[in-house]
Amino acid sequence: MADLEEKMAYMKNQPSTMLPEKEEVLNAAISRVDVLEQELQATKKEELSKAVSENGLVKSGKQSDGKKANDKE
């Protein structure tokens, strides 16, 4: 048990470093995730805008149908 504690103490005292290659890969992945998040937000905004527009057209179409039905009476 003492041997394990010594190893843990040694590991804790070591500086945590990352190989430059791994850091580059990680940074590239993070950048790609950021780009994908921006694209997703833009797509969500566009789809929401389309849905609101279509919903408005559907509502105005229903109102027109309602007026036509009243005109026939």
PDB file of N, CA and C in Angstrom:
ATOM      1  N   MET A   1       0.828  -1.194   0.000  1.00  0.00           N
ATOM      2  CA  MET A   1       0.000   0.000   0.000  1.00  0.00           C
ATOM      3  C   MET A   1       0.871   1.255   0.000  1.00  0.00           C
ATOM      4  N   ALA A   2       1.933   1.222   0.759  1.00  0.00           N
ATOM      5  CA  ALA A   2       2.841   2.366   0.833  1.00  0.00           C
ATOM      6  C   ALA A   2       3.470   2.630  -0.533  1.00  0.00           C
ATOM      7  N   ASP A   3       3.762   1.546  -1.260  1.00  0.00           N
ATOM      8  CA  ASP A   3       4.345   1.693  -2.600  1.00  0.00           C
ATOM      9  C   ASP A   3       3.371   2.421  -3.527  1.00  0.00           C
ATOM     10  N   LEU A   4       2.115   2.065  -3.445  1.00  0.00           N
ATOM     11  CA  LEU A   4       1.087   2.708  -4.267  1.00  0.00           C
ATOM     12  C   LEU A   4       0.944   4.181  -3.896  1.00  0.00           C
ATOM     13  N   GLU A   5       0.988   4.479  -2.611  1.00  0.00           N
ATOM     14  CA  GLU A   5       0.899   5.867  -2.156  1.00  0.00           C
ATOM     15  C   GLU A   5       2.086   6.688  -2.655  1.00  0.00           C
ATOM     16  N   GLU A   6       3.274   6.081  -2.659  1.00  0.00           N
ATOM     17  CA  GLU A   6       4.459   6.773  -3.174  1.00  0.00           C
ATOM     18  C   GLU A   6       4.295   7.080  -4.662  1.00  0.00           C
ATOM     19  N   LYS A   7       3.799   6.118  -5.409  1.00  0.00           N
ATOM     20  CA  LYS A   7       3.590   6.321  -6.845  1.00  0.00           C
ATOM     21  C   LYS A   7       2.561   7.420  -7.100  1.00  0.00           C
ATOM     22  N   MET A   8       1.510   7.435  -6.305  1.00  0.00           N
ATOM     23  CA  MET A   8       0.479   8.468  -6.458  1.00  0.00           C
ATOM     24  C   MET A   8       1.047   9.844  -6.129  1.00  0.00           C
ATOM     25  N   ALA A   9       1.835   9.935  -5.082  1.00  0.00           N
ATOM     26  CA  ALA A   9       2.449  11.206  -4.708  1.00  0.00           C
ATOM     27  C   ALA A   9       3.379  11.675  -5.819  1.00  0.00           C
ATOM     28  N   TYR A  10       4.142  10.753  -6.390  1.00  0.00           N
ATOM     29  CA  TYR A  10       5.042  11.093  -7.497  1.00  0.00           C
ATOM     30  C   TYR A  10       4.248  11.615  -8.695  1.00  0.00           C
ATOM     31  N   MET A  11       3.171  10.940  -9.028  1.00  0.00           N
ATOM     32  CA  MET A  11       2.353  11.342 -10.177  1.00  0.00           C
ATOM     33  C   MET A  11       1.708  12.708  -9.949  1.00  0.00           C
ATOM     34  N   LYS A  12       1.274  12.970  -8.727  1.00  0.00           N
ATOM     35  CA  LYS A  12       0.658  14.261  -8.419  1.00  0.00           C
ATOM     36  C   LYS A  12       1.654  15.405  -8.561  1.00  0.00           C
ATOM     37  N   ASN A  13       2.909  15.132  -8.264  1.00  0.00           N
ATOM     38  CA  ASN A  13       3.939  16.167  -8.338  1.00  0.00           C
ATOM     39  C   ASN A  13       4.432  16.415  -9.760  1.00  0.00           C
ATOM     40  N   GLN A  14       4.123  15.526 -10.682  1.00  0.00           N
ATOM     41  CA  GLN A  14       4.542  15.696 -12.069  1.00  0.00           C
ATOM     42  C   GLN A  14       3.663  16.737 -12.750  1.00  0.00           C
ATOM     43  N   PRO A  15       4.278  17.603 -13.549  1.00  0.00           N
ATOM     44  CA  PRO A  15       3.447  18.580 -14.280  1.00  0.00           C
ATOM     45  C   PRO A  15       2.598  17.858 -15.325  1.00  0.00           C
ATOM     46  N   SER A  16       1.387  18.296 -15.423  1.00  0.00           N
ATOM     47  CA  SER A  16       0.517  17.671 -16.419  1.00  0.00           C
ATOM     48  C   SER A  16       0.790  18.344 -17.762  1.00  0.00           C
ATOM     49  N   THR A  17       1.352  17.582 -18.660  1.00  0.00           N
ATOM     50  CA  THR A  17       1.688  18.118 -19.979  1.00  0.00           C
ATOM     51  C   THR A  17       1.016  17.285 -21.051  1.00  0.00           C
ATOM     52  N   MET A  18       0.813  17.913 -22.169  1.00  0.00           N
ATOM     53  CA  MET A  18       0.203  17.234 -23.296  1.00  0.00           C
ATOM     54  C   MET A  18       1.165  17.359 -24.471  1.00  0.00           C
ATOM     55  N   LEU A  19       1.287  16.297 -25.229  1.00  0.00           N
ATOM     56  CA  LEU A  19       2.133  16.357 -26.411  1.00  0.00           C
ATOM     57  C   LEU A  19       1.585  17.405 -27.369  1.00  0.00           C
ATOM     58  N   PRO A  20       2.460  18.145 -28.017  1.00  0.00           N
ATOM     59  CA  PRO A  20       1.989  19.194 -28.940  1.00  0.00           C
ATOM     60  C   PRO A  20       1.068  18.663 -30.038  1.00  0.00           C
ATOM     61  N   GLU A  21       1.349  17.452 -30.522  1.00  0.00           N
ATOM     62  CA  GLU A  21       0.506  16.866 -31.569  1.00  0.00           C
ATOM     63  C   GLU A  21      -0.915  16.629 -31.054  1.00  0.00           C
ATOM     64  N   LYS A  22      -1.000  16.113 -29.840  1.00  0.00           N
ATOM     65  CA  LYS A  22      -2.316  15.861 -29.257  1.00  0.00           C
ATOM     66  C   LYS A  22      -3.055  17.170 -29.004  1.00  0.00           C
ATOM     67  N   GLU A  23      -2.312  18.180 -28.574  1.00  0.00           N
ATOM     68  CA  GLU A  23      -2.925  19.481 -28.327  1.00  0.00           C
ATOM     69  C   GLU A  23      -3.464  20.081 -29.625  1.00  0.00           C
ATOM     70  N   GLU A  24      -2.715  19.922 -30.713  1.00  0.00           N
ATOM     71  CA  GLU A  24      -3.171  20.419 -32.015  1.00  0.00           C
ATOM     72  C   GLU A  24      -4.449  19.715 -32.453  1.00  0.00           C
ATOM     73  N   VAL A  25      -4.475  18.398 -32.291  1.00  0.00           N
ATOM     74  CA  VAL A  25      -5.665  17.627 -32.666  1.00  0.00           C
ATOM     75  C   VAL A  25      -6.857  18.062 -31.823  1.00  0.00           C
ATOM     76  N   LEU A  26      -6.632  18.240 -30.535  1.00  0.00           N
ATOM     77  CA  LEU A  26      -7.701  18.668 -29.637  1.00  0.00           C
ATOM     78  C   LEU A  26      -8.212  20.054 -30.015  1.00  0.00           C
ATOM     79  N   ASN A  27      -7.310  20.980 -30.291  1.00  0.00           N
ATOM     80  CA  ASN A  27      -7.713  22.333 -30.684  1.00  0.00           C
ATOM     81  C   ASN A  27      -8.474  22.327 -32.005  1.00  0.00           C
ATOM     82  N   ALA A  28      -8.043  21.485 -32.947  1.00  0.00           N
ATOM     83  CA  ALA A  28      -8.751  21.377 -34.227  1.00  0.00           C
ATOM     84  C   ALA A  28     -10.162  20.834 -34.011  1.00  0.00           C
ATOM     85  N   ALA A  29     -10.286  19.852 -33.137  1.00  0.00           N
ATOM     86  CA  ALA A  29     -11.607  19.283 -32.848  1.00  0.00           C
ATOM     87  C   ALA A  29     -12.508  20.315 -32.182  1.00  0.00           C
ATOM     88  N   ILE A  30     -11.962  21.070 -31.259  1.00  0.00           N
ATOM     89  CA  ILE A  30     -12.747  22.107 -30.582  1.00  0.00           C
ATOM     90  C   ILE A  30     -13.194  23.171 -31.579  1.00  0.00           C
ATOM     91  N   SER A  31     -12.301  23.552 -32.477  1.00  0.00           N
ATOM     92  CA  SER A  31     -12.660  24.542 -33.503  1.00  0.00           C
ATOM     93  C   SER A  31     -13.772  24.017 -34.394  1.00  0.00           C
ATOM     94  N   ARG A  32     -13.688  22.753 -34.768  1.00  0.00           N
ATOM     95  CA  ARG A  32     -14.719  22.152 -35.625  1.00  0.00           C
ATOM     96  C   ARG A  32     -16.059  22.117 -34.902  1.00  0.00           C
ATOM     97  N   VAL A  33     -16.039  21.796 -33.629  1.00  0.00           N
ATOM     98  CA  VAL A  33     -17.273  21.784 -32.838  1.00  0.00           C
ATOM     99  C   VAL A  33     -17.873  23.184 -32.792  1.00  0.00           C
ATOM    100  N   ASP A  34     -17.037  24.200 -32.625  1.00  0.00           N
ATOM    101  CA  ASP A  34     -17.529  25.580 -32.608  1.00  0.00           C
ATOM    102  C   ASP A  34     -18.204  25.934 -33.929  1.00  0.00           C
ATOM    103  N   VAL A  35     -17.583  25.545 -35.045  1.00  0.00           N
ATOM    104  CA  VAL A  35     -18.163  25.818 -36.366  1.00  0.00           C
ATOM    105  C   VAL A  35     -19.499  25.090 -36.515  1.00  0.00           C
ATOM    106  N   LEU A  36     -19.539  23.830 -36.094  1.00  0.00           N
ATOM    107  CA  LEU A  36     -20.782  23.060 -36.195  1.00  0.00           C
ATOM    108  C   LEU A  36     -21.885  23.668 -35.338  1.00  0.00           C
ATOM    109  N   GLU A  37     -21.542  24.163 -34.154  1.00  0.00           N
ATOM    110  CA  GLU A  37     -22.535  24.811 -33.295  1.00  0.00           C
ATOM    111  C   GLU A  37     -23.084  26.071 -33.959  1.00  0.00           C
ATOM    112  N   GLN A  38     -22.215  26.843 -34.603  1.00  0.00           N
ATOM    113  CA  GLN A  38     -22.667  28.046 -35.300  1.00  0.00           C
ATOM    114  C   GLN A  38     -23.589  27.685 -36.462  1.00  0.00           C
ATOM    115  N   GLU A  39     -23.220  26.639 -37.218  1.00  0.00           N
ATOM    116  CA  GLU A  39     -24.063  26.201 -38.327  1.00  0.00           C
ATOM    117  C   GLU A  39     -25.414  25.708 -37.816  1.00  0.00           C
ATOM    118  N   LEU A  40     -25.401  24.990 -36.709  1.00  0.00           N
ATOM    119  CA  LEU A  40     -26.643  24.489 -36.129  1.00  0.00           C
ATOM    120  C   LEU A  40     -27.543  25.636 -35.698  1.00  0.00           C
ATOM    121  N   GLN A  41     -26.976  26.642 -35.053  1.00  0.00           N
ATOM    122  CA  GLN A  41     -27.769  27.796 -34.628  1.00  0.00           C
ATOM    123  C   GLN A  41     -28.367  28.518 -35.829  1.00  0.00           C
ATOM    124  N   ALA A  42     -27.582  28.662 -36.897  1.00  0.00           N
ATOM    125  CA  ALA A  42     -28.084  29.324 -38.102  1.00  0.00           C
ATOM    126  C   ALA A  42     -29.216  28.508 -38.720  1.00  0.00           C
ATOM    127  N   THR A  43     -29.057  27.190 -38.746  1.00  0.00           N
ATOM    128  CA  THR A  43     -30.096  26.323 -39.300  1.00  0.00           C
ATOM    129  C   THR A  43     -31.357  26.385 -38.453  1.00  0.00           C
ATOM    130  N   LYS A  44     -31.207  26.358 -37.134  1.00  0.00           N
ATOM    131  CA  LYS A  44     -32.368  26.457 -36.243  1.00  0.00           C
ATOM    132  C   LYS A  44     -33.116  27.764 -36.477  1.00  0.00           C
ATOM    133  N   LYS A  45     -32.361  28.851 -36.593  1.00  0.00           N
ATOM    134  CA  LYS A  45     -32.972  30.163 -36.805  1.00  0.00           C
ATOM    135  C   LYS A  45     -33.732  30.180 -38.128  1.00  0.00           C
ATOM    136  N   GLU A  46     -33.120  29.619 -39.169  1.00  0.00           N
ATOM    137  CA  GLU A  46     -33.754  29.574 -40.488  1.00  0.00           C
ATOM    138  C   GLU A  46     -35.021  28.718 -40.460  1.00  0.00           C
ATOM    139  N   GLU A  47     -34.946  27.559 -39.832  1.00  0.00           N
ATOM    140  CA  GLU A  47     -36.109  26.670 -39.754  1.00  0.00           C
ATOM    141  C   GLU A  47     -37.228  27.300 -38.933  1.00  0.00           C
ATOM    142  N   LEU A  48     -36.881  27.974 -37.862  1.00  0.00           N
ATOM    143  CA  LEU A  48     -37.888  28.646 -37.047  1.00  0.00           C
ATOM    144  C   LEU A  48     -38.565  29.743 -37.854  1.00  0.00           C
ATOM    145  N   SER A  49     -37.770  30.481 -38.603  1.00  0.00           N
ATOM    146  CA  SER A  49     -38.316  31.544 -39.442  1.00  0.00           C
ATOM    147  C   SER A  49     -39.278  30.970 -40.480  1.00  0.00           C
ATOM    148  N   LYS A  50     -38.885  29.848 -41.093  1.00  0.00           N
ATOM    149  CA  LYS A  50     -39.751  29.190 -42.079  1.00  0.00           C
ATOM    150  C   LYS A  50     -41.047  28.718 -41.422  1.00  0.00           C
ATOM    151  N   ALA A  51     -40.928  28.124 -40.244  1.00  0.00           N
ATOM    152  CA  ALA A  51     -42.105  27.603 -39.551  1.00  0.00           C
ATOM    153  C   ALA A  51     -43.063  28.730 -39.195  1.00  0.00           C
ATOM    154  N   VAL A  52     -42.532  29.835 -38.722  1.00  0.00           N
ATOM    155  CA  VAL A  52     -43.372  30.978 -38.368  1.00  0.00           C
ATOM    156  C   VAL A  52     -44.050  31.514 -39.616  1.00  0.00           C
ATOM    157  N   SER A  53     -43.304  31.612 -40.701  1.00  0.00           N
ATOM    158  CA  SER A  53     -43.855  32.108 -41.958  1.00  0.00           C
ATOM    159  C   SER A  53     -44.955  31.178 -42.465  1.00  0.00           C
ATOM    160  N   GLU A  54     -44.691  29.876 -42.463  1.00  0.00           N
ATOM    161  CA  GLU A  54     -45.687  28.907 -42.925  1.00  0.00           C
ATOM    162  C   GLU A  54     -46.910  28.919 -42.020  1.00  0.00           C
ATOM    163  N   ASN A  55     -46.697  29.048 -40.727  1.00  0.00           N
ATOM    164  CA  ASN A  55     -47.808  29.088 -39.784  1.00  0.00           C
ATOM    165  C   ASN A  55     -48.671  30.310 -40.065  1.00  0.00           C
ATOM    166  N   GLY A  56     -48.041  31.433 -40.367  1.00  0.00           N
ATOM    167  CA  GLY A  56     -48.790  32.642 -40.700  1.00  0.00           C
ATOM    168  C   GLY A  56     -49.595  32.453 -41.967  1.00  0.00           C
ATOM    169  N   LEU A  57     -49.020  31.778 -42.957  1.00  0.00           N
ATOM    170  CA  LEU A  57     -49.742  31.523 -44.203  1.00  0.00           C
ATOM    171  C   LEU A  57     -50.918  30.587 -43.966  1.00  0.00           C
ATOM    172  N   VAL A  58     -50.708  29.584 -43.129  1.00  0.00           N
ATOM    173  CA  VAL A  58     -51.789  28.644 -42.823  1.00  0.00           C
ATOM    174  C   VAL A  58     -52.916  29.374 -42.109  1.00  0.00           C
ATOM    175  N   LYS A  59     -52.572  30.217 -41.144  1.00  0.00           N
ATOM    176  CA  LYS A  59     -53.605  30.954 -40.414  1.00  0.00           C
ATOM    177  C   LYS A  59     -54.359  31.889 -41.342  1.00  0.00           C
ATOM    178  N   SER A  60     -53.643  32.596 -42.217  1.00  0.00           N
ATOM    179  CA  SER A  60     -54.332  33.512 -43.126  1.00  0.00           C
ATOM    180  C   SER A  60     -55.189  32.724 -44.108  1.00  0.00           C
ATOM    181  N   GLY A  61     -54.755  31.551 -44.503  1.00  0.00           N
ATOM    182  CA  GLY A  61     -55.555  30.700 -45.383  1.00  0.00           C
ATOM    183  C   GLY A  61     -56.815  30.222 -44.692  1.00  0.00           C
ATOM    184  N   LYS A  62     -56.731  29.888 -43.431  1.00  0.00           N
ATOM    185  CA  LYS A  62     -57.905  29.454 -42.679  1.00  0.00           C
ATOM    186  C   LYS A  62     -58.880  30.603 -42.513  1.00  0.00           C
ATOM    187  N   GLN A  63     -58.361  31.792 -42.285  1.00  0.00           N
ATOM    188  CA  GLN A  63     -59.238  32.951 -42.145  1.00  0.00           C
ATOM    189  C   GLN A  63     -59.951  33.225 -43.462  1.00  0.00           C
ATOM    190  N   SER A  64     -59.236  33.095 -44.559  1.00  0.00           N
ATOM    191  CA  SER A  64     -59.857  33.310 -45.869  1.00  0.00           C
ATOM    192  C   SER A  64     -60.958  32.289 -46.095  1.00  0.00           C
ATOM    193  N   ASP A  65     -60.690  31.032 -45.732  1.00  0.00           N
ATOM    194  CA  ASP A  65     -61.707  29.999 -45.892  1.00  0.00           C
ATOM    195  C   ASP A  65     -62.915  30.313 -45.019  1.00  0.00           C
ATOM    196  N   GLY A  66     -62.659  30.804 -43.820  1.00  0.00           N
ATOM    197  CA  GLY A  66     -63.762  31.152 -42.922  1.00  0.00           C
ATOM    198  C   GLY A  66     -64.593  32.279 -43.499  1.00  0.00           C
ATOM    199  N   LYS A  67     -63.976  33.258 -44.098  1.00  0.00           N
ATOM    200  CA  LYS A  67     -64.705  34.375 -44.694  1.00  0.00           C
ATOM    201  C   LYS A  67     -65.520  33.895 -45.873  1.00  0.00           C
ATOM    202  N   LYS A  68     -64.958  32.991 -46.660  1.00  0.00           N
ATOM    203  CA  LYS A  68     -65.679  32.465 -47.815  1.00  0.00           C
ATOM    204  C   LYS A  68     -66.911  31.689 -47.357  1.00  0.00           C
ATOM    205  N   ALA A  69     -66.752  30.950 -46.278  1.00  0.00           N
ATOM    206  CA  ALA A  69     -67.890  30.183 -45.777  1.00  0.00           C
ATOM    207  C   ALA A  69     -68.978  31.130 -45.298  1.00  0.00           C
ATOM    208  N   ASN A  70     -68.604  32.226 -44.666  1.00  0.00           N
ATOM    209  CA  ASN A  70     -69.586  33.194 -44.194  1.00  0.00           C
ATOM    210  C   ASN A  70     -70.250  33.904 -45.366  1.00  0.00           C
ATOM    211  N   ASP A  71     -69.510  34.157 -46.448  1.00  0.00           N
ATOM    212  CA  ASP A  71     -70.067  34.825 -47.616  1.00  0.00           C
ATOM    213  C   ASP A  71     -71.149  33.968 -48.262  1.00  0.00           C
ATOM    214  N   LYS A  72     -71.019  32.654 -48.186  1.00  0.00           N
ATOM    215  CA  LYS A  72     -71.982  31.754 -48.820  1.00  0.00           C
ATOM    216  C   LYS A  72     -73.301  31.728 -48.062  1.00  0.00           C
ATOM    217  N   GLU A  73     -73.284  32.088 -46.792  1.00  0.00           N
ATOM    218  CA  GLU A  73     -74.511  32.015 -45.988  1.00  0.00           C
ATOM    219  C   GLU A  73     -75.496  33.020 -46.368  1.00  0.00           C
TER     220      GLU A  73
END
